[in-house]
């Protein structure tokens, strides 16, 4: 809620005289793996401008998007599936990042595999992509997430301290927190909890509303084009990528170590959608959604295909 209120305030303070071409408004997280929107302006065509609004979670971004305050925002694929399954008019138009998660235990712990987490306390954030990955890795090691371990709700920013002080025995979160735990000497990566080939390493994408896609497709294409060019530029220039990401507050050494577990992305194809369907099936099996969304409406590949064709 604080993030949403801060966004509204920033929007009001940033409001000025009406312009002929209003800036494109994009929401994202201030993390290395979701950084592309902060580079859009140098890749937008003509005189187009962009305003980037930072958020701390996908739910607040989507709320702003559905309210008409954003043209596009980041989302985890799991959150997009959950939103569409509830009938919300959202559409994923490009990939944002892959991988980026890790399961961490204390450095001095004797735990060697996820199967040895039985009876342990594990920090997690409910309703996130990381919860799905945690439940999946526990199940894969024949542990019942409800009966064999203690899942304890801990904010992502507090997981490292909770692990270091012994409040929890493990946590699963996104970068840079796993690498930070290793870098500061209290944590050890136990597992990179990605699915098998059916789901792969898909993580996040860029979201628009059905209304803006149908009424302003040129704006969506403009943003996807800038998104693709930004992702490719940052992949070709990792020093510039990590230097800009360090401005968000994480040490460059941590980001450099975490880089191998982060993939900036923009392309989507039919195989990507099939992996999302497999993820949706796992979410329903875990009772995180009651029904499957219409994947043909949730994913629209036309913009990515047009950008690829124009290159």
C-alpha atoms as a PDB file:
ATOM      1  CA  UNK A   1       0.000   0.000   0.000  1.00  0.00           C
ATOM      2  CA  UNK A   2       2.866   2.374   0.836  1.00  0.00           C
ATOM      3  CA  UNK A   3       4.327   1.754  -2.592  1.00  0.00           C
ATOM      4  CA  UNK A   4       1.015   2.497  -4.268  1.00  0.00           C
ATOM      5  CA  UNK A   5       0.576   5.748  -2.316  1.00  0.00           C
ATOM      6  CA  UNK A   6       4.155   6.786  -3.069  1.00  0.00           C
ATOM      7  CA  UNK A   7       3.497   6.134  -6.741  1.00  0.00           C
ATOM      8  CA  UNK A   8       0.380   8.313  -6.725  1.00  0.00           C
ATOM      9  CA  UNK A   9       2.302  11.116  -5.023  1.00  0.00           C
ATOM     10  CA  UNK A  10       5.128  10.878  -7.548  1.00  0.00           C
ATOM     11  CA  UNK A  11       2.608  10.943 -10.353  1.00  0.00           C
ATOM     12  CA  UNK A  12       0.947  14.079  -8.977  1.00  0.00           C
ATOM     13  CA  UNK A  13       4.226  15.869  -8.298  1.00  0.00           C
ATOM     14  CA  UNK A  14       5.433  15.012 -11.765  1.00  0.00           C
ATOM     15  CA  UNK A  15       2.319  16.322 -13.436  1.00  0.00           C
ATOM     16  CA  UNK A  16       2.963  19.473 -15.457  1.00  0.00           C
ATOM     17  CA  UNK A  17       1.386  21.361 -18.300  1.00  0.00           C
ATOM     18  CA  UNK A  18      -0.397  19.203 -20.850  1.00  0.00           C
ATOM     19  CA  UNK A  19       1.933  18.035 -23.614  1.00  0.00           C
ATOM     20  CA  UNK A  20       1.134  17.074 -27.175  1.00  0.00           C
ATOM     21  CA  UNK A  21       2.654  13.635 -26.675  1.00  0.00           C
ATOM     22  CA  UNK A  22       2.304  12.498 -23.072  1.00  0.00           C
ATOM     23  CA  UNK A  23       5.196  10.394 -21.804  1.00  0.00           C
ATOM     24  CA  UNK A  24       4.843   6.665 -21.711  1.00  0.00           C
ATOM     25  CA  UNK A  25       4.495   5.493 -18.101  1.00  0.00           C
ATOM     26  CA  UNK A  26       6.160   2.234 -17.071  1.00  0.00           C
ATOM     27  CA  UNK A  27       6.416   0.468 -13.720  1.00  0.00           C
ATOM     28  CA  UNK A  28       9.168  -1.923 -12.656  1.00  0.00           C
ATOM     29  CA  UNK A  29      11.286  -2.997  -9.686  1.00  0.00           C
ATOM     30  CA  UNK A  30      14.646  -1.395  -8.849  1.00  0.00           C
ATOM     31  CA  UNK A  31      16.594  -4.614  -9.328  1.00  0.00           C
ATOM     32  CA  UNK A  32      19.295  -5.682 -11.754  1.00  0.00           C
ATOM     33  CA  UNK A  33      17.061  -8.294 -13.367  1.00  0.00           C
ATOM     34  CA  UNK A  34      14.184  -5.864 -14.021  1.00  0.00           C
ATOM     35  CA  UNK A  35      16.233  -2.851 -15.063  1.00  0.00           C
ATOM     36  CA  UNK A  36      15.385  -2.544 -18.769  1.00  0.00           C
ATOM     37  CA  UNK A  37      12.725   0.219 -18.417  1.00  0.00           C
ATOM     38  CA  UNK A  38      15.343   2.553 -16.925  1.00  0.00           C
ATOM     39  CA  UNK A  39      17.075   2.428 -20.345  1.00  0.00           C
ATOM     40  CA  UNK A  40      13.984   2.828 -22.551  1.00  0.00           C
ATOM     41  CA  UNK A  41      14.449   6.537 -23.158  1.00  0.00           C
ATOM     42  CA  UNK A  42      17.681   6.077 -25.095  1.00  0.00           C
ATOM     43  CA  UNK A  43      15.985   3.547 -27.376  1.00  0.00           C
ATOM     44  CA  UNK A  44      12.575   5.148 -27.970  1.00  0.00           C
ATOM     45  CA  UNK A  45      11.979   6.442 -31.464  1.00  0.00           C
ATOM     46  CA  UNK A  46      11.234  10.078 -32.385  1.00  0.00           C
ATOM     47  CA  UNK A  47      10.439  12.488 -29.576  1.00  0.00           C
ATOM     48  CA  UNK A  48       8.745   9.920 -27.363  1.00  0.00           C
ATOM     49  CA  UNK A  49       9.519  10.185 -23.657  1.00  0.00           C
ATOM     50  CA  UNK A  50       9.093   7.732 -20.811  1.00  0.00           C
ATOM     51  CA  UNK A  51       8.542   8.008 -17.069  1.00  0.00           C
ATOM     52  CA  UNK A  52       9.656   5.006 -15.020  1.00  0.00           C
ATOM     53  CA  UNK A  53       8.049   4.395 -11.624  1.00  0.00           C
ATOM     54  CA  UNK A  54       9.725   1.991  -9.182  1.00  0.00           C
ATOM     55  CA  UNK A  55       7.648  -0.491  -7.178  1.00  0.00           C
ATOM     56  CA  UNK A  56       8.522  -3.231  -4.712  1.00  0.00           C
ATOM     57  CA  UNK A  57       6.072  -5.905  -5.843  1.00  0.00           C
ATOM     58  CA  UNK A  58       4.065  -6.959  -8.919  1.00  0.00           C
ATOM     59  CA  UNK A  59       0.658  -6.535  -7.261  1.00  0.00           C
ATOM     60  CA  UNK A  60       1.076  -2.773  -6.750  1.00  0.00           C
ATOM     61  CA  UNK A  61       2.341  -2.360 -10.311  1.00  0.00           C
ATOM     62  CA  UNK A  62      -0.658  -4.193 -11.700  1.00  0.00           C
ATOM     63  CA  UNK A  63      -3.035  -2.121  -9.551  1.00  0.00           C
ATOM     64  CA  UNK A  64      -1.570   1.037 -11.082  1.00  0.00           C
ATOM     65  CA  UNK A  65      -1.791  -0.507 -14.545  1.00  0.00           C
ATOM     66  CA  UNK A  66      -5.466  -1.466 -14.156  1.00  0.00           C
ATOM     67  CA  UNK A  67      -6.205   2.030 -12.813  1.00  0.00           C
ATOM     68  CA  UNK A  68      -4.896   3.487 -16.066  1.00  0.00           C
ATOM     69  CA  UNK A  69      -1.898   5.173 -14.388  1.00  0.00           C
ATOM     70  CA  UNK A  70       0.667   3.088 -16.290  1.00  0.00           C
ATOM     71  CA  UNK A  71       0.971   2.039 -19.916  1.00  0.00           C
ATOM     72  CA  UNK A  72       3.014  -1.049 -19.074  1.00  0.00           C
ATOM     73  CA  UNK A  73       4.570  -2.692 -16.019  1.00  0.00           C
ATOM     74  CA  UNK A  74       6.631  -5.642 -14.923  1.00  0.00           C
ATOM     75  CA  UNK A  75       5.073  -8.802 -13.563  1.00  0.00           C
ATOM     76  CA  UNK A  76       6.105 -12.274 -12.569  1.00  0.00           C
ATOM     77  CA  UNK A  77       4.594 -14.844 -14.905  1.00  0.00           C
ATOM     78  CA  UNK A  78       2.991 -16.483 -11.870  1.00  0.00           C
ATOM     79  CA  UNK A  79       1.291 -13.212 -10.905  1.00  0.00           C
ATOM     80  CA  UNK A  80       0.102 -12.698 -14.484  1.00  0.00           C
ATOM     81  CA  UNK A  81      -1.409 -16.201 -14.519  1.00  0.00           C
ATOM     82  CA  UNK A  82      -3.045 -15.589 -11.141  1.00  0.00           C
ATOM     83  CA  UNK A  83      -4.486 -12.251 -12.318  1.00  0.00           C
ATOM     84  CA  UNK A  84      -5.827 -13.667 -15.588  1.00  0.00           C
ATOM     85  CA  UNK A  85      -7.328 -16.660 -13.767  1.00  0.00           C
ATOM     86  CA  UNK A  86      -9.332 -14.133 -11.734  1.00  0.00           C
ATOM     87  CA  UNK A  87     -10.655 -12.574 -14.925  1.00  0.00           C
ATOM     88  CA  UNK A  88      -8.503  -9.434 -14.875  1.00  0.00           C
ATOM     89  CA  UNK A  89      -7.897  -7.933 -18.363  1.00  0.00           C
ATOM     90  CA  UNK A  90      -4.093  -8.222 -18.488  1.00  0.00           C
ATOM     91  CA  UNK A  91      -1.819  -9.267 -21.353  1.00  0.00           C
ATOM     92  CA  UNK A  92       1.873 -10.245 -21.300  1.00  0.00           C
ATOM     93  CA  UNK A  93       3.596  -8.722 -24.354  1.00  0.00           C
ATOM     94  CA  UNK A  94       7.301  -9.463 -23.733  1.00  0.00           C
ATOM     95  CA  UNK A  95       9.591 -11.406 -21.433  1.00  0.00           C
ATOM     96  CA  UNK A  96      11.510  -9.480 -18.750  1.00  0.00           C
ATOM     97  CA  UNK A  97      13.916 -11.953 -17.104  1.00  0.00           C
ATOM     98  CA  UNK A  98      14.632 -15.625 -16.495  1.00  0.00           C
ATOM     99  CA  UNK A  99      16.166 -17.491 -13.520  1.00  0.00           C
ATOM    100  CA  UNK A 100      17.099 -15.105 -10.616  1.00  0.00           C
ATOM    101  CA  UNK A 101      16.071 -17.368  -7.658  1.00  0.00           C
ATOM    102  CA  UNK A 102      18.019 -19.489  -5.160  1.00  0.00           C
ATOM    103  CA  UNK A 103      17.470 -21.553  -2.004  1.00  0.00           C
ATOM    104  CA  UNK A 104      19.863 -20.500   0.776  1.00  0.00           C
ATOM    105  CA  UNK A 105      20.914 -22.127   4.082  1.00  0.00           C
ATOM    106  CA  UNK A 106      23.358 -20.989   6.773  1.00  0.00           C
ATOM    107  CA  UNK A 107      26.978 -21.398   5.750  1.00  0.00           C
ATOM    108  CA  UNK A 108      27.803 -23.567   8.761  1.00  0.00           C
ATOM    109  CA  UNK A 109      24.737 -25.757   8.331  1.00  0.00           C
ATOM    110  CA  UNK A 110      25.219 -29.467   7.682  1.00  0.00           C
ATOM    111  CA  UNK A 111      22.255 -29.459   5.300  1.00  0.00           C
ATOM    112  CA  UNK A 112      23.482 -30.832   1.971  1.00  0.00           C
ATOM    113  CA  UNK A 113      20.258 -31.265  -0.002  1.00  0.00           C
ATOM    114  CA  UNK A 114      16.758 -29.807   0.034  1.00  0.00           C
ATOM    115  CA  UNK A 115      15.551 -33.194   1.273  1.00  0.00           C
ATOM    116  CA  UNK A 116      17.382 -32.533   4.533  1.00  0.00           C
ATOM    117  CA  UNK A 117      15.214 -29.505   5.288  1.00  0.00           C
ATOM    118  CA  UNK A 118      12.654 -31.716   7.051  1.00  0.00           C
ATOM    119  CA  UNK A 119      11.615 -30.125  10.337  1.00  0.00           C
ATOM    120  CA  UNK A 120      13.394 -26.865   9.473  1.00  0.00           C
ATOM    121  CA  UNK A 121      12.084 -23.298   9.402  1.00  0.00           C
ATOM    122  CA  UNK A 122      12.071 -21.774   5.921  1.00  0.00           C
ATOM    123  CA  UNK A 123      11.457 -18.109   5.147  1.00  0.00           C
ATOM    124  CA  UNK A 124       9.181 -17.287   2.228  1.00  0.00           C
ATOM    125  CA  UNK A 125       6.759 -14.663   0.899  1.00  0.00           C
ATOM    126  CA  UNK A 126       3.288 -16.083   0.183  1.00  0.00           C
ATOM    127  CA  UNK A 127       1.779 -15.653  -3.271  1.00  0.00           C
ATOM    128  CA  UNK A 128       5.065 -15.093  -5.068  1.00  0.00           C
ATOM    129  CA  UNK A 129       6.943 -16.919  -7.788  1.00  0.00           C
ATOM    130  CA  UNK A 130       9.433 -17.867  -5.074  1.00  0.00           C
ATOM    131  CA  UNK A 131       6.744 -19.625  -3.028  1.00  0.00           C
ATOM    132  CA  UNK A 132       5.906 -21.743  -6.059  1.00  0.00           C
ATOM    133  CA  UNK A 133       9.573 -22.608  -6.579  1.00  0.00           C
ATOM    134  CA  UNK A 134      10.003 -23.427  -2.877  1.00  0.00           C
ATOM    135  CA  UNK A 135       6.986 -25.715  -2.797  1.00  0.00           C
ATOM    136  CA  UNK A 136       8.138 -27.358  -6.013  1.00  0.00           C
ATOM    137  CA  UNK A 137      11.665 -28.085  -4.776  1.00  0.00           C
ATOM    138  CA  UNK A 138      10.368 -29.446  -1.458  1.00  0.00           C
ATOM    139  CA  UNK A 139       7.875 -31.697  -3.225  1.00  0.00           C
ATOM    140  CA  UNK A 140      10.574 -32.847  -5.628  1.00  0.00           C
ATOM    141  CA  UNK A 141      12.577 -33.984  -2.593  1.00  0.00           C
ATOM    142  CA  UNK A 142       9.573 -35.848  -1.166  1.00  0.00           C
ATOM    143  CA  UNK A 143       8.793 -33.270   1.528  1.00  0.00           C
ATOM    144  CA  UNK A 144       5.259 -32.077   2.208  1.00  0.00           C
ATOM    145  CA  UNK A 145       5.430 -28.253   2.456  1.00  0.00           C
ATOM    146  CA  UNK A 146       2.485 -28.273   4.882  1.00  0.00           C
ATOM    147  CA  UNK A 147       3.646 -31.061   7.186  1.00  0.00           C
ATOM    148  CA  UNK A 148       7.393 -31.675   6.891  1.00  0.00           C
ATOM    149  CA  UNK A 149       8.750 -28.099   7.246  1.00  0.00           C
ATOM    150  CA  UNK A 150       7.727 -24.823   8.897  1.00  0.00           C
ATOM    151  CA  UNK A 151       7.075 -22.120   6.319  1.00  0.00           C
ATOM    152  CA  UNK A 152       7.537 -18.738   7.981  1.00  0.00           C
ATOM    153  CA  UNK A 153       6.493 -15.507   6.342  1.00  0.00           C
ATOM    154  CA  UNK A 154       9.489 -13.149   6.145  1.00  0.00           C
ATOM    155  CA  UNK A 155       9.872 -10.065   3.978  1.00  0.00           C
ATOM    156  CA  UNK A 156      12.524 -10.462   1.291  1.00  0.00           C
ATOM    157  CA  UNK A 157      14.570  -7.618   2.798  1.00  0.00           C
ATOM    158  CA  UNK A 158      14.618  -9.318   6.235  1.00  0.00           C
ATOM    159  CA  UNK A 159      15.456 -12.881   5.165  1.00  0.00           C
ATOM    160  CA  UNK A 160      19.220 -12.462   5.360  1.00  0.00           C
ATOM    161  CA  UNK A 161      19.133 -11.083   8.901  1.00  0.00           C
ATOM    162  CA  UNK A 162      16.695 -13.808   9.994  1.00  0.00           C
ATOM    163  CA  UNK A 163      19.010 -16.473   8.577  1.00  0.00           C
ATOM    164  CA  UNK A 164      22.147 -14.943  10.106  1.00  0.00           C
ATOM    165  CA  UNK A 165      20.524 -14.742  13.560  1.00  0.00           C
ATOM    166  CA  UNK A 166      19.104 -18.272  13.420  1.00  0.00           C
ATOM    167  CA  UNK A 167      15.466 -17.238  13.198  1.00  0.00           C
ATOM    168  CA  UNK A 168      15.118 -19.396  10.108  1.00  0.00           C
ATOM    169  CA  UNK A 169      17.170 -22.271   8.708  1.00  0.00           C
ATOM    170  CA  UNK A 170      16.724 -21.421   5.035  1.00  0.00           C
ATOM    171  CA  UNK A 171      15.036 -19.021   2.659  1.00  0.00           C
ATOM    172  CA  UNK A 172      14.155 -18.877  -1.006  1.00  0.00           C
ATOM    173  CA  UNK A 173      14.184 -15.501  -2.720  1.00  0.00           C
ATOM    174  CA  UNK A 174      15.321 -13.630  -5.771  1.00  0.00           C
ATOM    175  CA  UNK A 175      18.691 -12.061  -6.441  1.00  0.00           C
ATOM    176  CA  UNK A 176      20.605 -10.278  -5.048  1.00  0.00           C
ATOM    177  CA  UNK A 177      19.649 -11.607  -1.584  1.00  0.00           C
ATOM    178  CA  UNK A 178      20.993 -15.180  -2.083  1.00  0.00           C
ATOM    179  CA  UNK A 179      24.320 -13.923  -3.418  1.00  0.00           C
ATOM    180  CA  UNK A 180      24.438 -11.238  -0.716  1.00  0.00           C
ATOM    181  CA  UNK A 181      24.118 -13.961   1.954  1.00  0.00           C
ATOM    182  CA  UNK A 182      27.118 -15.741   0.447  1.00  0.00           C
ATOM    183  CA  UNK A 183      29.085 -12.524   0.011  1.00  0.00           C
ATOM    184  CA  UNK A 184      28.581 -11.501   3.657  1.00  0.00           C
ATOM    185  CA  UNK A 185      29.650 -14.911   4.897  1.00  0.00           C
ATOM    186  CA  UNK A 186      26.550 -16.246   6.639  1.00  0.00           C
ATOM    187  CA  UNK A 187      24.816 -18.045   3.769  1.00  0.00           C
ATOM    188  CA  UNK A 188      25.367 -20.851   1.291  1.00  0.00           C
ATOM    189  CA  UNK A 189      23.445 -21.588  -1.921  1.00  0.00           C
ATOM    190  CA  UNK A 190      21.774 -24.964  -1.449  1.00  0.00           C
ATOM    191  CA  UNK A 191      19.926 -25.158  -4.748  1.00  0.00           C
ATOM    192  CA  UNK A 192      18.840 -23.226  -7.814  1.00  0.00           C
ATOM    193  CA  UNK A 193      15.237 -24.372  -7.698  1.00  0.00           C
ATOM    194  CA  UNK A 194      14.232 -24.267 -11.337  1.00  0.00           C
ATOM    195  CA  UNK A 195      11.694 -26.540 -12.882  1.00  0.00           C
ATOM    196  CA  UNK A 196      12.401 -29.245 -15.377  1.00  0.00           C
ATOM    197  CA  UNK A 197      12.145 -28.563 -19.110  1.00  0.00           C
ATOM    198  CA  UNK A 198       8.345 -28.311 -18.943  1.00  0.00           C
ATOM    199  CA  UNK A 199       8.531 -24.965 -17.125  1.00  0.00           C
ATOM    200  CA  UNK A 200      12.207 -24.120 -17.434  1.00  0.00           C
ATOM    201  CA  UNK A 201      13.543 -20.878 -15.976  1.00  0.00           C
ATOM    202  CA  UNK A 202      10.814 -18.404 -16.969  1.00  0.00           C
ATOM    203  CA  UNK A 203      10.339 -15.727 -14.335  1.00  0.00           C
ATOM    204  CA  UNK A 204       8.918 -12.340 -15.349  1.00  0.00           C
ATOM    205  CA  UNK A 205       7.381 -10.399 -18.223  1.00  0.00           C
ATOM    206  CA  UNK A 206       5.959  -7.033 -19.261  1.00  0.00           C
ATOM    207  CA  UNK A 207       2.234  -6.501 -18.770  1.00  0.00           C
ATOM    208  CA  UNK A 208      -0.351  -4.238 -20.420  1.00  0.00           C
ATOM    209  CA  UNK A 209      -4.130  -4.062 -20.189  1.00  0.00           C
ATOM    210  CA  UNK A 210      -6.401  -5.440 -22.881  1.00  0.00           C
ATOM    211  CA  UNK A 211      -7.840  -1.931 -23.260  1.00  0.00           C
ATOM    212  CA  UNK A 212      -4.514  -0.241 -24.052  1.00  0.00           C
ATOM    213  CA  UNK A 213      -3.453  -3.087 -26.323  1.00  0.00           C
ATOM    214  CA  UNK A 214      -6.609  -2.684 -28.423  1.00  0.00           C
ATOM    215  CA  UNK A 215      -6.905   1.123 -28.322  1.00  0.00           C
ATOM    216  CA  UNK A 216      -3.200   2.089 -28.514  1.00  0.00           C
ATOM    217  CA  UNK A 217      -1.279  -0.790 -30.118  1.00  0.00           C
ATOM    218  CA  UNK A 218       1.294   1.698 -31.453  1.00  0.00           C
ATOM    219  CA  UNK A 219       2.219   2.649 -27.869  1.00  0.00           C
ATOM    220  CA  UNK A 220       2.627  -1.003 -26.907  1.00  0.00           C
ATOM    221  CA  UNK A 221       4.796  -1.659 -29.974  1.00  0.00           C
ATOM    222  CA  UNK A 222       6.904   1.393 -29.178  1.00  0.00           C
ATOM    223  CA  UNK A 223       7.503   0.125 -25.639  1.00  0.00           C
ATOM    224  CA  UNK A 224       8.250  -3.465 -26.675  1.00  0.00           C
ATOM    225  CA  UNK A 225      10.684  -2.157 -29.276  1.00  0.00           C
ATOM    226  CA  UNK A 226      12.517  -0.068 -26.641  1.00  0.00           C
ATOM    227  CA  UNK A 227      12.383  -2.999 -24.211  1.00  0.00           C
ATOM    228  CA  UNK A 228      13.999  -5.344 -26.725  1.00  0.00           C
ATOM    229  CA  UNK A 229      16.754  -2.906 -27.615  1.00  0.00           C
ATOM    230  CA  UNK A 230      17.456  -2.153 -23.939  1.00  0.00           C
ATOM    231  CA  UNK A 231      17.692  -5.868 -23.057  1.00  0.00           C
ATOM    232  CA  UNK A 232      20.030  -6.571 -25.955  1.00  0.00           C
ATOM    233  CA  UNK A 233      22.183  -3.533 -25.151  1.00  0.00           C
ATOM    234  CA  UNK A 234      22.549  -4.531 -21.497  1.00  0.00           C
ATOM    235  CA  UNK A 235      23.360  -8.137 -22.404  1.00  0.00           C
ATOM    236  CA  UNK A 236      26.109  -6.872 -24.700  1.00  0.00           C
ATOM    237  CA  UNK A 237      27.421  -4.415 -22.093  1.00  0.00           C
ATOM    238  CA  UNK A 238      27.309  -6.135 -18.694  1.00  0.00           C
ATOM    239  CA  UNK A 239      29.558  -3.487 -17.130  1.00  0.00           C
ATOM    240  CA  UNK A 240      26.975  -0.766 -17.894  1.00  0.00           C
ATOM    241  CA  UNK A 241      24.154  -3.062 -16.765  1.00  0.00           C
ATOM    242  CA  UNK A 242      25.722  -3.771 -13.364  1.00  0.00           C
ATOM    243  CA  UNK A 243      26.995  -0.195 -12.863  1.00  0.00           C
ATOM    244  CA  UNK A 244      23.446   1.156 -13.287  1.00  0.00           C
ATOM    245  CA  UNK A 245      22.051  -1.618 -11.067  1.00  0.00           C
ATOM    246  CA  UNK A 246      24.561  -0.758  -8.343  1.00  0.00           C
ATOM    247  CA  UNK A 247      22.916   2.668  -8.127  1.00  0.00           C
ATOM    248  CA  UNK A 248      19.898   0.879  -6.654  1.00  0.00           C
ATOM    249  CA  UNK A 249      21.982   0.109  -3.551  1.00  0.00           C
ATOM    250  CA  UNK A 250      23.668  -3.286  -4.047  1.00  0.00           C
ATOM    251  CA  UNK A 251      27.450  -3.566  -4.075  1.00  0.00           C
ATOM    252  CA  UNK A 252      28.976  -4.117  -7.542  1.00  0.00           C
ATOM    253  CA  UNK A 253      30.846  -7.212  -6.294  1.00  0.00           C
ATOM    254  CA  UNK A 254      27.556  -8.812  -5.226  1.00  0.00           C
ATOM    255  CA  UNK A 255      25.907  -8.000  -8.541  1.00  0.00           C
ATOM    256  CA  UNK A 256      28.860  -9.386 -10.488  1.00  0.00           C
ATOM    257  CA  UNK A 257      28.650 -12.653  -8.542  1.00  0.00           C
ATOM    258  CA  UNK A 258      24.865 -12.812  -9.000  1.00  0.00           C
ATOM    259  CA  UNK A 259      24.959 -12.065 -12.730  1.00  0.00           C
ATOM    260  CA  UNK A 260      25.286 -15.728 -13.716  1.00  0.00           C
ATOM    261  CA  UNK A 261      21.910 -16.343 -12.051  1.00  0.00           C
ATOM    262  CA  UNK A 262      20.110 -13.501 -13.858  1.00  0.00           C
ATOM    263  CA  UNK A 263      19.049 -13.405 -17.515  1.00  0.00           C
ATOM    264  CA  UNK A 264      17.628 -10.247 -19.040  1.00  0.00           C
ATOM    265  CA  UNK A 265      15.045 -11.148 -21.672  1.00  0.00           C
ATOM    266  CA  UNK A 266      12.477  -9.804 -24.112  1.00  0.00           C
ATOM    267  CA  UNK A 267      11.672 -12.573 -26.598  1.00  0.00           C
ATOM    268  CA  UNK A 268       8.621 -14.794 -26.251  1.00  0.00           C
ATOM    269  CA  UNK A 269       7.438 -17.558 -28.537  1.00  0.00           C
ATOM    270  CA  UNK A 270       5.045 -20.487 -28.522  1.00  0.00           C
ATOM    271  CA  UNK A 271       7.512 -22.510 -26.427  1.00  0.00           C
ATOM    272  CA  UNK A 272       7.485 -19.733 -23.796  1.00  0.00           C
ATOM    273  CA  UNK A 273       3.684 -19.899 -23.659  1.00  0.00           C
ATOM    274  CA  UNK A 274       3.816 -23.680 -23.300  1.00  0.00           C
ATOM    275  CA  UNK A 275       6.168 -23.276 -20.314  1.00  0.00           C
ATOM    276  CA  UNK A 276       3.747 -20.743 -18.809  1.00  0.00           C
ATOM    277  CA  UNK A 277       0.912 -23.255 -19.239  1.00  0.00           C
ATOM    278  CA  UNK A 278       3.001 -25.859 -17.420  1.00  0.00           C
ATOM    279  CA  UNK A 279       3.603 -23.330 -14.632  1.00  0.00           C
ATOM    280  CA  UNK A 280      -0.135 -22.653 -14.454  1.00  0.00           C
ATOM    281  CA  UNK A 281      -0.779 -26.383 -14.110  1.00  0.00           C
ATOM    282  CA  UNK A 282       1.666 -26.538 -11.184  1.00  0.00           C
ATOM    283  CA  UNK A 283      -0.032 -23.505  -9.586  1.00  0.00           C
ATOM    284  CA  UNK A 284      -3.416 -25.203  -9.809  1.00  0.00           C
ATOM    285  CA  UNK A 285      -1.971 -28.426  -8.376  1.00  0.00           C
ATOM    286  CA  UNK A 286      -0.619 -26.344  -5.472  1.00  0.00           C
ATOM    287  CA  UNK A 287      -4.101 -24.756  -5.139  1.00  0.00           C
ATOM    288  CA  UNK A 288      -2.764 -21.273  -5.825  1.00  0.00           C
ATOM    289  CA  UNK A 289      -5.367 -20.820  -8.558  1.00  0.00           C
ATOM    290  CA  UNK A 290      -8.774 -22.465  -8.919  1.00  0.00           C
ATOM    291  CA  UNK A 291      -8.899 -22.484 -12.703  1.00  0.00           C
ATOM    292  CA  UNK A 292      -6.668 -21.994 -15.716  1.00  0.00           C
ATOM    293  CA  UNK A 293      -6.744 -18.654 -17.566  1.00  0.00           C
ATOM    294  CA  UNK A 294      -7.221 -18.292 -21.309  1.00  0.00           C
ATOM    295  CA  UNK A 295      -3.557 -18.394 -22.343  1.00  0.00           C
ATOM    296  CA  UNK A 296      -4.341 -17.248 -25.888  1.00  0.00           C
ATOM    297  CA  UNK A 297      -5.577 -13.950 -24.409  1.00  0.00           C
ATOM    298  CA  UNK A 298      -3.009 -13.719 -21.609  1.00  0.00           C
ATOM    299  CA  UNK A 299      -0.021 -13.893 -23.992  1.00  0.00           C
ATOM    300  CA  UNK A 300       0.151 -11.794 -27.167  1.00  0.00           C
ATOM    301  CA  UNK A 301       3.198 -12.526 -29.319  1.00  0.00           C
ATOM    302  CA  UNK A 302       2.440 -10.061 -32.115  1.00  0.00           C
ATOM    303  CA  UNK A 303       4.632  -7.237 -30.783  1.00  0.00           C
ATOM    304  CA  UNK A 304       7.681  -9.418 -30.180  1.00  0.00           C
ATOM    305  CA  UNK A 305       7.235 -10.922 -33.655  1.00  0.00           C
ATOM    306  CA  UNK A 306       7.037  -7.455 -35.255  1.00  0.00           C
ATOM    307  CA  UNK A 307      10.155  -6.274 -33.445  1.00  0.00           C
ATOM    308  CA  UNK A 308      12.023  -9.388 -34.574  1.00  0.00           C
ATOM    309  CA  UNK A 309      10.828  -8.904 -38.159  1.00  0.00           C
ATOM    310  CA  UNK A 310      11.987  -5.271 -38.217  1.00  0.00           C
ATOM    311  CA  UNK A 311      15.531  -6.040 -37.040  1.00  0.00           C
END
